[in-house]
Amino acid sequence: YQLEVSRDRIKLRLDGTTKFKEKYTPRMQVCGARGAGDAAAQGLFLALGPQLVFMLACESSRERNAAIMLMRTFAQNLKINLDGPEAE
């Protein structure tokens, strides 16, 4: 899968075909994975809705942190706050 983060939406692609496309909304949640070990440091939790949740593995923790930062920054520019699941 390929995660595409743009100014107004998030796309998840598989082999060049868009599987999921969602504009930033207040119900969206994004955060780093929790747990011990290297897998958690590279994991990205992305909930696009109540029944559409992804746990993505990034190439590195730096890549994961950059994706989270970009998503939150772009959403903030649209006056939307993206939090993690425990922020409620």
N, C-alpha and C. Protein backbone atom coordinates (compact mmCIF):
# COMPACT_ATOMS: atom_id res chain seq x y z
N TYR A 1 0.82 -1.19 0.00
CA TYR A 1 0.00 0.00 0.00
C TYR A 1 0.87 1.25 0.00
N GLN A 2 0.31 2.31 -0.52
CA GLN A 2 0.98 3.60 -0.55
C GLN A 2 0.03 4.62 0.06
N LEU A 3 0.51 5.37 1.03
CA LEU A 3 -0.28 6.41 1.69
C LEU A 3 0.09 7.75 1.06
N GLU A 4 -0.90 8.45 0.55
CA GLU A 4 -0.69 9.76 -0.06
C GLU A 4 -1.36 10.81 0.81
N VAL A 5 -0.58 11.74 1.34
CA VAL A 5 -1.08 12.80 2.20
C VAL A 5 -1.03 14.10 1.41
N SER A 6 -2.19 14.71 1.19
CA SER A 6 -2.24 15.98 0.47
C SER A 6 -2.90 17.04 1.34
N ARG A 7 -3.02 18.24 0.82
CA ARG A 7 -3.55 19.36 1.61
C ARG A 7 -5.01 19.20 2.00
N ASP A 8 -5.79 18.47 1.22
CA ASP A 8 -7.22 18.38 1.52
C ASP A 8 -7.73 16.96 1.75
N ARG A 9 -6.91 15.92 1.53
CA ARG A 9 -7.38 14.55 1.71
C ARG A 9 -6.25 13.56 1.89
N ILE A 10 -6.63 12.37 2.29
CA ILE A 10 -5.71 11.24 2.44
C ILE A 10 -6.16 10.16 1.47
N LYS A 11 -5.21 9.57 0.76
CA LYS A 11 -5.52 8.48 -0.16
C LYS A 11 -4.68 7.27 0.22
N LEU A 12 -5.27 6.10 0.11
CA LEU A 12 -4.57 4.85 0.32
C LEU A 12 -4.66 4.08 -1.00
N ARG A 13 -3.49 3.79 -1.59
CA ARG A 13 -3.45 3.15 -2.90
C ARG A 13 -2.79 1.78 -2.83
N LEU A 14 -3.20 0.92 -3.74
CA LEU A 14 -2.60 -0.39 -3.91
C LEU A 14 -2.31 -0.57 -5.39
N ASP A 15 -1.06 -0.70 -5.73
CA ASP A 15 -0.63 -0.87 -7.13
C ASP A 15 -1.16 0.22 -8.04
N GLY A 16 -1.15 1.46 -7.58
CA GLY A 16 -1.58 2.60 -8.38
C GLY A 16 -3.08 2.84 -8.39
N THR A 17 -3.87 1.93 -7.83
CA THR A 17 -5.31 2.08 -7.78
C THR A 17 -5.73 2.62 -6.41
N THR A 18 -6.50 3.68 -6.40
CA THR A 18 -6.96 4.27 -5.15
C THR A 18 -8.01 3.36 -4.51
N LYS A 19 -7.71 2.88 -3.31
CA LYS A 19 -8.65 2.02 -2.57
C LYS A 19 -9.53 2.83 -1.63
N PHE A 20 -8.94 3.82 -0.97
CA PHE A 20 -9.69 4.67 -0.04
C PHE A 20 -9.26 6.11 -0.25
N LYS A 21 -10.23 7.01 -0.24
CA LYS A 21 -9.97 8.43 -0.39
C LYS A 21 -10.90 9.15 0.57
N GLU A 22 -10.34 9.95 1.44
CA GLU A 22 -11.16 10.60 2.47
C GLU A 22 -10.63 12.02 2.71
N LYS A 23 -11.55 12.98 2.73
CA LYS A 23 -11.17 14.34 3.12
C LYS A 23 -11.00 14.39 4.62
N TYR A 24 -10.24 15.36 5.10
CA TYR A 24 -10.03 15.51 6.54
C TYR A 24 -11.36 15.86 7.21
N THR A 25 -11.69 15.14 8.26
CA THR A 25 -12.91 15.37 9.01
C THR A 25 -12.60 15.31 10.51
N PRO A 26 -13.44 15.89 11.35
CA PRO A 26 -13.19 15.84 12.80
C PRO A 26 -13.25 14.42 13.38
N ARG A 27 -13.94 13.50 12.72
CA ARG A 27 -14.03 12.14 13.25
C ARG A 27 -12.80 11.29 12.94
N MET A 28 -11.91 11.80 12.11
CA MET A 28 -10.68 11.10 11.74
C MET A 28 -9.70 11.11 12.91
N GLN A 29 -8.99 10.00 13.10
CA GLN A 29 -7.99 9.90 14.16
C GLN A 29 -6.67 9.42 13.56
N VAL A 30 -5.57 9.97 14.05
CA VAL A 30 -4.25 9.54 13.60
C VAL A 30 -3.27 9.64 14.76
N CYS A 31 -2.44 8.62 14.92
CA CYS A 31 -1.41 8.64 15.94
C CYS A 31 -0.41 7.53 15.66
N GLY A 32 0.68 7.54 16.39
CA GLY A 32 1.66 6.47 16.29
C GLY A 32 1.15 5.25 17.04
N ALA A 33 1.64 4.09 16.64
CA ALA A 33 1.23 2.85 17.31
C ALA A 33 1.84 2.80 18.70
N ARG A 34 1.17 2.07 19.58
CA ARG A 34 1.67 1.92 20.94
C ARG A 34 2.16 0.51 21.15
N GLY A 35 3.09 0.37 22.05
CA GLY A 35 3.63 -0.96 22.35
C GLY A 35 5.14 -0.92 22.43
N ALA A 36 5.72 -2.08 22.57
CA ALA A 36 7.17 -2.18 22.70
C ALA A 36 7.76 -2.73 21.41
N GLY A 37 9.02 -2.43 21.20
CA GLY A 37 9.73 -2.99 20.05
C GLY A 37 9.78 -2.06 18.87
N ASP A 38 10.46 -2.52 17.82
CA ASP A 38 10.65 -1.70 16.62
C ASP A 38 9.36 -1.53 15.82
N ALA A 39 8.50 -2.52 15.85
CA ALA A 39 7.27 -2.44 15.06
C ALA A 39 6.39 -1.28 15.53
N ALA A 40 6.31 -1.05 16.81
CA ALA A 40 5.49 0.04 17.33
C ALA A 40 6.07 1.40 16.94
N ALA A 41 7.38 1.50 16.88
CA ALA A 41 8.02 2.77 16.53
C ALA A 41 7.75 3.15 15.07
N GLN A 42 7.40 2.17 14.24
CA GLN A 42 7.16 2.43 12.83
C GLN A 42 5.68 2.33 12.45
N GLY A 43 4.83 2.02 13.43
CA GLY A 43 3.41 1.82 13.15
C GLY A 43 2.62 3.11 13.16
N LEU A 44 1.64 3.20 12.30
CA LEU A 44 0.79 4.38 12.17
C LEU A 44 -0.67 3.93 12.29
N PHE A 45 -1.38 4.46 13.29
CA PHE A 45 -2.80 4.16 13.49
C PHE A 45 -3.60 5.23 12.77
N LEU A 46 -4.47 4.81 11.86
CA LEU A 46 -5.27 5.75 11.07
C LEU A 46 -6.71 5.27 11.06
N ALA A 47 -7.60 6.04 11.66
CA ALA A 47 -9.03 5.73 11.67
C ALA A 47 -9.75 6.78 10.85
N LEU A 48 -10.28 6.37 9.70
CA LEU A 48 -10.98 7.30 8.82
C LEU A 48 -12.45 7.43 9.18
N GLY A 49 -12.95 6.51 9.97
CA GLY A 49 -14.33 6.51 10.41
C GLY A 49 -14.49 5.45 11.48
N PRO A 50 -15.68 5.29 12.00
CA PRO A 50 -15.87 4.32 13.09
C PRO A 50 -15.62 2.88 12.67
N GLN A 51 -15.82 2.55 11.40
CA GLN A 51 -15.63 1.17 10.96
C GLN A 51 -14.52 1.02 9.94
N LEU A 52 -13.71 2.04 9.74
CA LEU A 52 -12.62 1.99 8.76
C LEU A 52 -11.33 2.39 9.45
N VAL A 53 -10.61 1.38 9.98
CA VAL A 53 -9.41 1.61 10.77
C VAL A 53 -8.25 0.86 10.14
N PHE A 54 -7.10 1.54 10.04
CA PHE A 54 -5.90 0.93 9.48
C PHE A 54 -4.75 1.02 10.47
N MET A 55 -3.92 0.00 10.47
CA MET A 55 -2.64 0.03 11.16
C MET A 55 -1.59 -0.16 10.07
N LEU A 56 -0.87 0.89 9.77
CA LEU A 56 0.10 0.87 8.68
C LEU A 56 1.51 0.79 9.23
N ALA A 57 2.37 0.05 8.55
CA ALA A 57 3.78 -0.04 8.91
C ALA A 57 4.58 0.84 7.96
N CYS A 58 5.29 1.80 8.50
CA CYS A 58 6.12 2.70 7.69
C CYS A 58 7.54 2.15 7.60
N GLU A 59 8.31 2.70 6.68
CA GLU A 59 9.69 2.25 6.50
C GLU A 59 10.56 2.58 7.72
N SER A 60 10.28 3.70 8.37
CA SER A 60 11.08 4.11 9.53
C SER A 60 10.21 4.95 10.47
N SER A 61 10.69 5.15 11.67
CA SER A 61 9.95 5.99 12.61
C SER A 61 9.95 7.44 12.15
N ARG A 62 10.98 7.85 11.47
CA ARG A 62 11.05 9.22 10.94
C ARG A 62 9.97 9.44 9.87
N GLU A 63 9.78 8.45 9.01
CA GLU A 63 8.74 8.52 7.99
C GLU A 63 7.35 8.56 8.62
N ARG A 64 7.15 7.75 9.66
CA ARG A 64 5.86 7.73 10.36
C ARG A 64 5.58 9.08 10.99
N ASN A 65 6.56 9.64 11.68
CA ASN A 65 6.38 10.93 12.35
C ASN A 65 6.11 12.05 11.34
N ALA A 66 6.77 12.01 10.19
CA ALA A 66 6.54 13.01 9.15
C ALA A 66 5.12 12.91 8.60
N ALA A 67 4.62 11.69 8.41
CA ALA A 67 3.26 11.51 7.91
C ALA A 67 2.24 12.04 8.91
N ILE A 68 2.43 11.75 10.18
CA ILE A 68 1.52 12.25 11.22
C ILE A 68 1.56 13.77 11.28
N MET A 69 2.75 14.33 11.23
CA MET A 69 2.90 15.79 11.29
C MET A 69 2.23 16.46 10.09
N LEU A 70 2.42 15.90 8.89
CA LEU A 70 1.79 16.49 7.70
C LEU A 70 0.27 16.40 7.76
N MET A 71 -0.25 15.25 8.16
CA MET A 71 -1.71 15.11 8.26
C MET A 71 -2.30 16.11 9.25
N ARG A 72 -1.68 16.24 10.40
CA ARG A 72 -2.19 17.16 11.41
C ARG A 72 -2.06 18.61 10.97
N THR A 73 -0.97 18.95 10.30
CA THR A 73 -0.77 20.32 9.82
C THR A 73 -1.79 20.68 8.75
N PHE A 74 -1.97 19.79 7.76
CA PHE A 74 -2.94 20.06 6.70
C PHE A 74 -4.36 20.15 7.26
N ALA A 75 -4.70 19.28 8.19
CA ALA A 75 -6.04 19.32 8.80
C ALA A 75 -6.21 20.61 9.62
N GLN A 76 -5.18 21.02 10.33
CA GLN A 76 -5.23 22.25 11.13
C GLN A 76 -5.47 23.46 10.22
N ASN A 77 -4.87 23.45 9.02
CA ASN A 77 -5.09 24.55 8.06
C ASN A 77 -6.55 24.62 7.63
N LEU A 78 -7.26 23.50 7.71
CA LEU A 78 -8.69 23.45 7.38
C LEU A 78 -9.57 23.60 8.62
N LYS A 79 -8.95 23.98 9.74
CA LYS A 79 -9.65 24.17 11.02
C LYS A 79 -10.22 22.86 11.58
N ILE A 80 -9.50 21.77 11.35
CA ILE A 80 -9.89 20.46 11.85
C ILE A 80 -8.77 19.95 12.73
N ASN A 81 -9.11 19.43 13.90
CA ASN A 81 -8.11 18.92 14.83
C ASN A 81 -8.09 17.39 14.76
N LEU A 82 -6.95 16.81 14.38
CA LEU A 82 -6.80 15.36 14.34
C LEU A 82 -6.10 14.90 15.60
N ASP A 83 -6.78 14.07 16.38
CA ASP A 83 -6.22 13.54 17.60
C ASP A 83 -6.13 12.02 17.49
N GLY A 84 -5.56 11.42 18.51
CA GLY A 84 -5.52 9.98 18.62
C GLY A 84 -6.75 9.46 19.32
N PRO A 85 -6.89 8.15 19.44
CA PRO A 85 -8.10 7.57 20.04
C PRO A 85 -8.26 7.86 21.53
N GLU A 86 -7.18 8.15 22.23
CA GLU A 86 -7.26 8.40 23.67
C GLU A 86 -7.47 9.86 24.03
N ALA A 87 -7.59 10.73 23.04
CA ALA A 87 -7.73 12.16 23.30
C ALA A 87 -9.16 12.56 23.64
N GLU A 88 -10.12 11.67 23.48
CA GLU A 88 -11.52 12.03 23.70
C GLU A 88 -11.88 12.06 25.16
